[in-house]
Amino acid sequence: MAPSTQHPHVVVHSPALDGSRRVTLGEEPLGVATHADDVAEILRLADLYVTDVAESDLVEWQGGGPDDWPGLSEHHDA
């Protein structure tokens, strides 16, 4: 049997009402992010070293890209 060449499938889900986004690896929840930097840290803690989460083919962004965190800007600006 040939070794699998499939890469991990990381999903950054659509923003929740508070603007946070769940991050999963397949069916496994990895964490909740409030910024793209959080996504990178969550992946690092899962031993998935992605240097640019915005451009990586390993990361699928649902409901908006790495700059879409609706509802959180007022929390970070305060």
PDB file of N, CA and C in Angstrom:
ATOM      1  N   MET A   1       0.844  -1.183   0.000  1.00  0.00           N
ATOM      2  CA  MET A   1       0.000   0.000   0.000  1.00  0.00           C
ATOM      3  C   MET A   1       0.884   1.239   0.000  1.00  0.00           C
ATOM      4  N   ALA A   2       0.566   2.182  -0.842  1.00  0.00           N
ATOM      5  CA  ALA A   2       1.361   3.404  -0.967  1.00  0.00           C
ATOM      6  C   ALA A   2       1.086   4.324   0.213  1.00  0.00           C
ATOM      7  N   PRO A   3       2.103   5.069   0.655  1.00  0.00           N
ATOM      8  CA  PRO A   3       1.882   6.009   1.756  1.00  0.00           C
ATOM      9  C   PRO A   3       0.917   7.119   1.339  1.00  0.00           C
ATOM     10  N   SER A   4       0.151   7.596   2.282  1.00  0.00           N
ATOM     11  CA  SER A   4      -0.823   8.650   2.011  1.00  0.00           C
ATOM     12  C   SER A   4      -0.104   9.969   1.785  1.00  0.00           C
ATOM     13  N   THR A   5      -0.495  10.674   0.739  1.00  0.00           N
ATOM     14  CA  THR A   5       0.067  11.991   0.467  1.00  0.00           C
ATOM     15  C   THR A   5      -0.931  13.080   0.836  1.00  0.00           C
ATOM     16  N   GLN A   6      -2.058  12.679   1.428  1.00  0.00           N
ATOM     17  CA  GLN A   6      -3.068  13.654   1.810  1.00  0.00           C
ATOM     18  C   GLN A   6      -2.568  14.496   2.981  1.00  0.00           C
ATOM     19  N   HIS A   7      -2.774  15.797   2.879  1.00  0.00           N
ATOM     20  CA  HIS A   7      -2.376  16.729   3.928  1.00  0.00           C
ATOM     21  C   HIS A   7      -3.492  16.858   4.950  1.00  0.00           C
ATOM     22  N   PRO A   8      -3.173  17.286   6.147  1.00  0.00           N
ATOM     23  CA  PRO A   8      -4.216  17.539   7.147  1.00  0.00           C
ATOM     24  C   PRO A   8      -5.206  18.577   6.613  1.00  0.00           C
ATOM     25  N   HIS A   9      -6.459  18.415   6.972  1.00  0.00           N
ATOM     26  CA  HIS A   9      -7.491  19.359   6.536  1.00  0.00           C
ATOM     27  C   HIS A   9      -7.918  20.192   7.737  1.00  0.00           C
ATOM     28  N   VAL A  10      -7.395  21.404   7.810  1.00  0.00           N
ATOM     29  CA  VAL A  10      -7.718  22.322   8.893  1.00  0.00           C
ATOM     30  C   VAL A  10      -8.809  23.261   8.393  1.00  0.00           C
ATOM     31  N   VAL A  11      -9.851  23.435   9.204  1.00  0.00           N
ATOM     32  CA  VAL A  11     -10.945  24.334   8.842  1.00  0.00           C
ATOM     33  C   VAL A  11     -11.064  25.415   9.908  1.00  0.00           C
ATOM     34  N   VAL A  12     -11.065  26.661   9.448  1.00  0.00           N
ATOM     35  CA  VAL A  12     -11.416  27.786  10.307  1.00  0.00           C
ATOM     36  C   VAL A  12     -12.866  28.107   9.947  1.00  0.00           C
ATOM     37  N   HIS A  13     -13.770  27.815  10.870  1.00  0.00           N
ATOM     38  CA  HIS A  13     -15.196  27.899  10.599  1.00  0.00           C
ATOM     39  C   HIS A  13     -15.694  29.338  10.578  1.00  0.00           C
ATOM     40  N   SER A  14     -16.915  29.504  10.084  1.00  0.00           N
ATOM     41  CA  SER A  14     -17.553  30.817  10.029  1.00  0.00           C
ATOM     42  C   SER A  14     -17.596  31.449  11.412  1.00  0.00           C
ATOM     43  N   PRO A  15     -17.529  32.777  11.463  1.00  0.00           N
ATOM     44  CA  PRO A  15     -17.550  33.456  12.761  1.00  0.00           C
ATOM     45  C   PRO A  15     -18.829  33.177  13.548  1.00  0.00           C
ATOM     46  N   ALA A  16     -18.665  33.004  14.850  1.00  0.00           N
ATOM     47  CA  ALA A  16     -19.798  32.885  15.764  1.00  0.00           C
ATOM     48  C   ALA A  16     -20.365  34.285  16.003  1.00  0.00           C
ATOM     49  N   LEU A  17     -21.429  34.381  16.772  1.00  0.00           N
ATOM     50  CA  LEU A  17     -22.040  35.684  17.046  1.00  0.00           C
ATOM     51  C   LEU A  17     -21.075  36.660  17.700  1.00  0.00           C
ATOM     52  N   ASP A  18     -20.135  36.144  18.494  1.00  0.00           N
ATOM     53  CA  ASP A  18     -19.159  37.026  19.147  1.00  0.00           C
ATOM     54  C   ASP A  18     -17.940  37.295  18.273  1.00  0.00           C
ATOM     55  N   GLY A  19     -17.913  36.740  17.062  1.00  0.00           N
ATOM     56  CA  GLY A  19     -16.813  36.967  16.139  1.00  0.00           C
ATOM     57  C   GLY A  19     -15.710  35.929  16.213  1.00  0.00           C
ATOM     58  N   SER A  20     -15.724  35.072  17.235  1.00  0.00           N
ATOM     59  CA  SER A  20     -14.695  34.033  17.348  1.00  0.00           C
ATOM     60  C   SER A  20     -14.961  32.949  16.306  1.00  0.00           C
ATOM     61  N   ARG A  21     -13.920  32.170  16.010  1.00  0.00           N
ATOM     62  CA  ARG A  21     -14.040  31.135  14.984  1.00  0.00           C
ATOM     63  C   ARG A  21     -13.436  29.832  15.495  1.00  0.00           C
ATOM     64  N   ARG A  22     -14.202  28.750  15.354  1.00  0.00           N
ATOM     65  CA  ARG A  22     -13.706  27.430  15.729  1.00  0.00           C
ATOM     66  C   ARG A  22     -12.671  26.973  14.716  1.00  0.00           C
ATOM     67  N   VAL A  23     -11.670  26.228  15.196  1.00  0.00           N
ATOM     68  CA  VAL A  23     -10.639  25.658  14.337  1.00  0.00           C
ATOM     69  C   VAL A  23     -10.666  24.148  14.556  1.00  0.00           C
ATOM     70  N   THR A  24     -10.800  23.405  13.462  1.00  0.00           N
ATOM     71  CA  THR A  24     -10.856  21.948  13.558  1.00  0.00           C
ATOM     72  C   THR A  24      -9.858  21.305  12.605  1.00  0.00           C
ATOM     73  N   LEU A  25      -9.459  20.092  12.950  1.00  0.00           N
ATOM     74  CA  LEU A  25      -8.619  19.251  12.098  1.00  0.00           C
ATOM     75  C   LEU A  25      -9.438  18.012  11.823  1.00  0.00           C
ATOM     76  N   GLY A  26     -10.001  17.927  10.621  1.00  0.00           N
ATOM     77  CA  GLY A  26     -10.952  16.866  10.347  1.00  0.00           C
ATOM     78  C   GLY A  26     -12.151  17.053  11.267  1.00  0.00           C
ATOM     79  N   GLU A  27     -12.469  16.031  12.053  1.00  0.00           N
ATOM     80  CA  GLU A  27     -13.575  16.109  13.011  1.00  0.00           C
ATOM     81  C   GLU A  27     -13.112  16.568  14.394  1.00  0.00           C
ATOM     82  N   GLU A  28     -11.812  16.726  14.580  1.00  0.00           N
ATOM     83  CA  GLU A  28     -11.248  17.036  15.896  1.00  0.00           C
ATOM     84  C   GLU A  28     -11.194  18.541  16.149  1.00  0.00           C
ATOM     85  N   PRO A  29     -11.852  19.026  17.210  1.00  0.00           N
ATOM     86  CA  PRO A  29     -11.735  20.447  17.543  1.00  0.00           C
ATOM     87  C   PRO A  29     -10.341  20.760  18.079  1.00  0.00           C
ATOM     88  N   LEU A  30      -9.750  21.831  17.567  1.00  0.00           N
ATOM     89  CA  LEU A  30      -8.415  22.241  18.016  1.00  0.00           C
ATOM     90  C   LEU A  30      -8.464  23.446  18.939  1.00  0.00           C
ATOM     91  N   GLY A  31      -9.453  24.315  18.761  1.00  0.00           N
ATOM     92  CA  GLY A  31      -9.544  25.494  19.604  1.00  0.00           C
ATOM     93  C   GLY A  31     -10.453  26.535  19.003  1.00  0.00           C
ATOM     94  N   VAL A  32     -10.477  27.690  19.652  1.00  0.00           N
ATOM     95  CA  VAL A  32     -11.279  28.827  19.212  1.00  0.00           C
ATOM     96  C   VAL A  32     -10.338  30.015  19.044  1.00  0.00           C
ATOM     97  N   ALA A  33     -10.445  30.661  17.897  1.00  0.00           N
ATOM     98  CA  ALA A  33      -9.561  31.783  17.574  1.00  0.00           C
ATOM     99  C   ALA A  33     -10.339  33.096  17.542  1.00  0.00           C
ATOM    100  N   THR A  34      -9.649  34.164  17.894  1.00  0.00           N
ATOM    101  CA  THR A  34     -10.227  35.499  17.787  1.00  0.00           C
ATOM    102  C   THR A  34      -9.406  36.394  16.855  1.00  0.00           C
ATOM    103  N   HIS A  35      -8.396  35.787  16.231  1.00  0.00           N
ATOM    104  CA  HIS A  35      -7.508  36.520  15.322  1.00  0.00           C
ATOM    105  C   HIS A  35      -6.714  35.485  14.531  1.00  0.00           C
ATOM    106  N   ALA A  36      -6.204  35.880  13.373  1.00  0.00           N
ATOM    107  CA  ALA A  36      -5.408  34.958  12.555  1.00  0.00           C
ATOM    108  C   ALA A  36      -4.180  34.453  13.314  1.00  0.00           C
ATOM    109  N   ASP A  37      -3.610  35.299  14.178  1.00  0.00           N
ATOM    110  CA  ASP A  37      -2.460  34.858  14.978  1.00  0.00           C
ATOM    111  C   ASP A  37      -2.851  33.715  15.911  1.00  0.00           C
ATOM    112  N   ASP A  38      -4.092  33.741  16.401  1.00  0.00           N
ATOM    113  CA  ASP A  38      -4.579  32.638  17.238  1.00  0.00           C
ATOM    114  C   ASP A  38      -4.617  31.336  16.454  1.00  0.00           C
ATOM    115  N   VAL A  39      -5.024  31.425  15.189  1.00  0.00           N
ATOM    116  CA  VAL A  39      -5.075  30.229  14.342  1.00  0.00           C
ATOM    117  C   VAL A  39      -3.670  29.634  14.223  1.00  0.00           C
ATOM    118  N   ALA A  40      -2.689  30.463  13.968  1.00  0.00           N
ATOM    119  CA  ALA A  40      -1.303  29.986  13.854  1.00  0.00           C
ATOM    120  C   ALA A  40      -0.846  29.316  15.148  1.00  0.00           C
ATOM    121  N   GLU A  41      -1.189  29.910  16.294  1.00  0.00           N
ATOM    122  CA  GLU A  41      -0.788  29.342  17.583  1.00  0.00           C
ATOM    123  C   GLU A  41      -1.511  28.021  17.861  1.00  0.00           C
ATOM    124  N   ILE A  42      -2.793  27.948  17.534  1.00  0.00           N
ATOM    125  CA  ILE A  42      -3.552  26.707  17.703  1.00  0.00           C
ATOM    126  C   ILE A  42      -2.923  25.599  16.862  1.00  0.00           C
ATOM    127  N   LEU A  43      -2.543  25.911  15.643  1.00  0.00           N
ATOM    128  CA  LEU A  43      -1.915  24.905  14.772  1.00  0.00           C
ATOM    129  C   LEU A  43      -0.544  24.507  15.296  1.00  0.00           C
ATOM    130  N   ARG A  44       0.208  25.465  15.810  1.00  0.00           N
ATOM    131  CA  ARG A  44       1.527  25.151  16.378  1.00  0.00           C
ATOM    132  C   ARG A  44       1.381  24.192  17.556  1.00  0.00           C
ATOM    133  N   LEU A  45       0.398  24.446  18.417  1.00  0.00           N
ATOM    134  CA  LEU A  45       0.168  23.571  19.567  1.00  0.00           C
ATOM    135  C   LEU A  45      -0.266  22.166  19.144  1.00  0.00           C
ATOM    136  N   ALA A  46      -0.834  22.052  17.946  1.00  0.00           N
ATOM    137  CA  ALA A  46      -1.233  20.758  17.408  1.00  0.00           C
ATOM    138  C   ALA A  46      -0.119  20.128  16.569  1.00  0.00           C
ATOM    139  N   ASP A  47       1.101  20.681  16.664  1.00  0.00           N
ATOM    140  CA  ASP A  47       2.265  20.213  15.909  1.00  0.00           C
ATOM    141  C   ASP A  47       2.094  20.346  14.397  1.00  0.00           C
ATOM    142  N   LEU A  48       1.322  21.345  13.992  1.00  0.00           N
ATOM    143  CA  LEU A  48       1.171  21.684  12.576  1.00  0.00           C
ATOM    144  C   LEU A  48       1.775  23.071  12.384  1.00  0.00           C
ATOM    145  N   TYR A  49       2.985  23.107  11.902  1.00  0.00           N
ATOM    146  CA  TYR A  49       3.707  24.367  11.772  1.00  0.00           C
ATOM    147  C   TYR A  49       3.413  24.984  10.406  1.00  0.00           C
ATOM    148  N   VAL A  50       2.509  25.956  10.401  1.00  0.00           N
ATOM    149  CA  VAL A  50       2.113  26.660   9.190  1.00  0.00           C
ATOM    150  C   VAL A  50       2.640  28.085   9.315  1.00  0.00           C
ATOM    151  N   THR A  51       3.514  28.475   8.400  1.00  0.00           N
ATOM    152  CA  THR A  51       4.147  29.784   8.513  1.00  0.00           C
ATOM    153  C   THR A  51       3.212  30.921   8.111  1.00  0.00           C
ATOM    154  N   ASP A  52       2.285  30.668   7.200  1.00  0.00           N
ATOM    155  CA  ASP A  52       1.358  31.711   6.762  1.00  0.00           C
ATOM    156  C   ASP A  52      -0.042  31.109   6.640  1.00  0.00           C
ATOM    157  N   VAL A  53      -0.846  31.247   7.698  1.00  0.00           N
ATOM    158  CA  VAL A  53      -2.172  30.623   7.703  1.00  0.00           C
ATOM    159  C   VAL A  53      -3.086  31.229   6.643  1.00  0.00           C
ATOM    160  N   ALA A  54      -2.827  32.466   6.251  1.00  0.00           N
ATOM    161  CA  ALA A  54      -3.662  33.126   5.247  1.00  0.00           C
ATOM    162  C   ALA A  54      -3.468  32.526   3.860  1.00  0.00           C
ATOM    163  N   GLU A  55      -2.273  32.037   3.571  1.00  0.00           N
ATOM    164  CA  GLU A  55      -1.943  31.543   2.227  1.00  0.00           C
ATOM    165  C   GLU A  55      -1.770  30.027   2.146  1.00  0.00           C
ATOM    166  N   SER A  56      -1.841  29.335   3.258  1.00  0.00           N
ATOM    167  CA  SER A  56      -1.568  27.901   3.274  1.00  0.00           C
ATOM    168  C   SER A  56      -2.688  27.092   2.620  1.00  0.00           C
ATOM    169  N   ASP A  57      -2.287  26.087   1.851  1.00  0.00           N
ATOM    170  CA  ASP A  57      -3.252  25.166   1.255  1.00  0.00           C
ATOM    171  C   ASP A  57      -3.834  24.219   2.296  1.00  0.00           C
ATOM    172  N   LEU A  58      -3.238  24.150   3.472  1.00  0.00           N
ATOM    173  CA  LEU A  58      -3.725  23.260   4.532  1.00  0.00           C
ATOM    174  C   LEU A  58      -4.935  23.838   5.260  1.00  0.00           C
ATOM    175  N   VAL A  59      -5.133  25.156   5.145  1.00  0.00           N
ATOM    176  CA  VAL A  59      -6.165  25.836   5.925  1.00  0.00           C
ATOM    177  C   VAL A  59      -7.301  26.274   5.005  1.00  0.00           C
ATOM    178  N   GLU A  60      -8.508  25.835   5.364  1.00  0.00           N
ATOM    179  CA  GLU A  60      -9.709  26.251   4.642  1.00  0.00           C
ATOM    180  C   GLU A  60     -10.457  27.271   5.504  1.00  0.00           C
ATOM    181  N   TRP A  61     -10.694  28.431   4.950  1.00  0.00           N
ATOM    182  CA  TRP A  61     -11.407  29.503   5.663  1.00  0.00           C
ATOM    183  C   TRP A  61     -12.853  29.498   5.197  1.00  0.00           C
ATOM    184  N   GLN A  62     -13.783  29.299   6.124  1.00  0.00           N
ATOM    185  CA  GLN A  62     -15.204  29.301   5.800  1.00  0.00           C
ATOM    186  C   GLN A  62     -15.851  30.565   6.354  1.00  0.00           C
ATOM    187  N   GLY A  63     -16.750  31.152   5.577  1.00  0.00           N
ATOM    188  CA  GLY A  63     -17.482  32.324   6.051  1.00  0.00           C
ATOM    189  C   GLY A  63     -16.646  33.580   6.130  1.00  0.00           C
ATOM    190  N   GLY A  64     -15.582  33.644   5.366  1.00  0.00           N
ATOM    191  CA  GLY A  64     -14.699  34.809   5.353  1.00  0.00           C
ATOM    192  C   GLY A  64     -13.254  34.378   5.495  1.00  0.00           C
ATOM    193  N   GLY A  65     -12.370  35.258   5.111  1.00  0.00           N
ATOM    194  CA  GLY A  65     -10.949  34.955   5.130  1.00  0.00           C
ATOM    195  C   GLY A  65     -10.278  35.310   6.443  1.00  0.00           C
ATOM    196  N   PRO A  66      -8.962  35.316   6.441  1.00  0.00           N
ATOM    197  CA  PRO A  66      -8.195  35.547   7.663  1.00  0.00           C
ATOM    198  C   PRO A  66      -8.327  36.963   8.230  1.00  0.00           C
ATOM    199  N   ASP A  67      -8.906  37.883   7.474  1.00  0.00           N
ATOM    200  CA  ASP A  67      -9.109  39.239   7.977  1.00  0.00           C
ATOM    201  C   ASP A  67     -10.535  39.482   8.454  1.00  0.00           C
ATOM    202  N   ASP A  68     -11.380  38.449   8.414  1.00  0.00           N
ATOM    203  CA  ASP A  68     -12.791  38.594   8.770  1.00  0.00           C
ATOM    204  C   ASP A  68     -13.061  38.076  10.178  1.00  0.00           C
ATOM    205  N   TRP A  69     -13.172  38.997  11.107  1.00  0.00           N
ATOM    206  CA  TRP A  69     -13.478  38.693  12.513  1.00  0.00           C
ATOM    207  C   TRP A  69     -14.576  39.646  12.980  1.00  0.00           C
ATOM    208  N   PRO A  70     -15.776  39.565  12.399  1.00  0.00           N
ATOM    209  CA  PRO A  70     -16.838  40.524  12.717  1.00  0.00           C
ATOM    210  C   PRO A  70     -17.226  40.467  14.191  1.00  0.00           C
ATOM    211  N   GLY A  71     -17.487  41.635  14.749  1.00  0.00           N
ATOM    212  CA  GLY A  71     -17.912  41.704  16.139  1.00  0.00           C
ATOM    213  C   GLY A  71     -16.771  41.785  17.120  1.00  0.00           C
ATOM    214  N   LEU A  72     -15.537  41.563  16.664  1.00  0.00           N
ATOM    215  CA  LEU A  72     -14.404  41.579  17.581  1.00  0.00           C
ATOM    216  C   LEU A  72     -13.647  42.900  17.565  1.00  0.00           C
ATOM    217  N   SER A  73     -13.790  43.691  16.524  1.00  0.00           N
ATOM    218  CA  SER A  73     -12.989  44.904  16.405  1.00  0.00           C
ATOM    219  C   SER A  73     -13.246  45.859  17.558  1.00  0.00           C
ATOM    220  N   GLU A  74     -14.511  45.968  18.007  1.00  0.00           N
ATOM    221  CA  GLU A  74     -14.775  46.881  19.116  1.00  0.00           C
ATOM    222  C   GLU A  74     -14.150  46.395  20.419  1.00  0.00           C
ATOM    223  N   HIS A  75     -13.971  45.077  20.551  1.00  0.00           N
ATOM    224  CA  HIS A  75     -13.326  44.541  21.745  1.00  0.00           C
ATOM    225  C   HIS A  75     -11.826  44.826  21.746  1.00  0.00           C
ATOM    226  N   HIS A  76     -11.196  44.758  20.567  1.00  0.00           N
ATOM    227  CA  HIS A  76      -9.757  44.973  20.468  1.00  0.00           C
ATOM    228  C   HIS A  76      -9.375  46.441  20.459  1.00  0.00           C
ATOM    229  N   ASP A  77     -10.299  47.305  20.020  1.00  0.00           N
ATOM    230  CA  ASP A  77     -10.006  48.733  19.952  1.00  0.00           C
ATOM    231  C   ASP A  77     -10.167  49.427  21.287  1.00  0.00           C
ATOM    232  N   ALA A  78     -10.888  48.819  22.199  1.00  0.00           N
ATOM    233  CA  ALA A  78     -11.184  49.464  23.496  1.00  0.00           C
ATOM    234  C   ALA A  78      -9.972  49.513  24.392  1.00  0.00           C
TER     235      ALA A  78
END
